[in-house]
Amino acid sequence: MKEDLFKIGEVARLFNVSVSTMRHYEKLGLVEPEYVDPDTGYRYYSTDQFEVLNTLRYLRLLDTPLESISDFFHDRNTESMKAMLRVQREEVSGKINDLLRLEKKIERRLQFIEEAESHPLNEIEDIMSEEARVVWLKHTMSPGSNDDIERSIKMLEGDQKEPMIFLGKVGIGLSPENLSLRKYDSYDMVFLILDDEDDFKGEFIEMPSERCLTIRFRGTHKDAPPYYDKLLDRMDEMDLRPAGPSREIALIDWGLSKDPDDFVTKIEIPVK
């Protein structure tokens, strides 16, 4: 046996990998030992394997799958290397796009929570709503039954591949007819507001910007009736009527805080 061979532990330390990783590379046929002692089974490596290990570690740094690296080493040439790197470039580009999309979602949620915490409460505002993509589901539910509301929300989300439900994105509504009658004992629909980054599989509508009266209050859906009365009283004073279903959204509830004193709900009614 040559004296300039290195034990597997020495090679592992030199290349900052574990011995088990070296054995795994050998099992995949990526790095074969130069010599295996027939008596002890000890594995020894020469500097010939160092270049392979350098290439292997660099490709792993690029997040190249071991299967692709194995294919390359079994048919090693510049064209196969270029082809592998092009494929990996596409993979990385896709991951970058996914991460940028997640970053936007995170930033949107942070802004939403900060705005929900700081916005004035119990003040009626005359606003123009934002344009949005919205998924609507007509479904009767009780305002006093959180289970009923949650089941309706899950029906709305359906079997989407990624979760869409988060505070500020989902809500319940009363029809214009029930609003005019001031009938608050059951809701008529549930809705989901889609972020620009959401890849929703199904039907949705493009909701235009429209004039709305809105109010935010401390509490949950079961506390909403007096605030509907306030909005409808103001609409009577302004000679306005509902132009569509209300949009009642929990901005802060059990999903964000265990303290009921933190809870905030928003009601928005389009008017004409």
Foldseek 3Di string as FASTA:
>chain_A
DDPQWAWLCVVCVVLVHDSVVVVVCVVLVQAAAPDAPPVPRTGIHHCVRVVSSVVVVVVVVLVQDPVLSSVCSVVPDPVSVVVSVVVSVVVVVVVVVVVVLVVVVVVVLVVLLVCLQPPDAPDKDKDWDAKFWKQKDFDKDFLVDPVRVVVQVCVRLDPDPDDQDDFPFKFFWAWLVCLVVLNRGITTMMMGTGDPSDPRDDDIDTGHTAIKIKGKHQAGSVPCSVVSVVRVVVCVVVVKGFPTIKTKTWSDDPVHDPDSRSTMIMIITGID
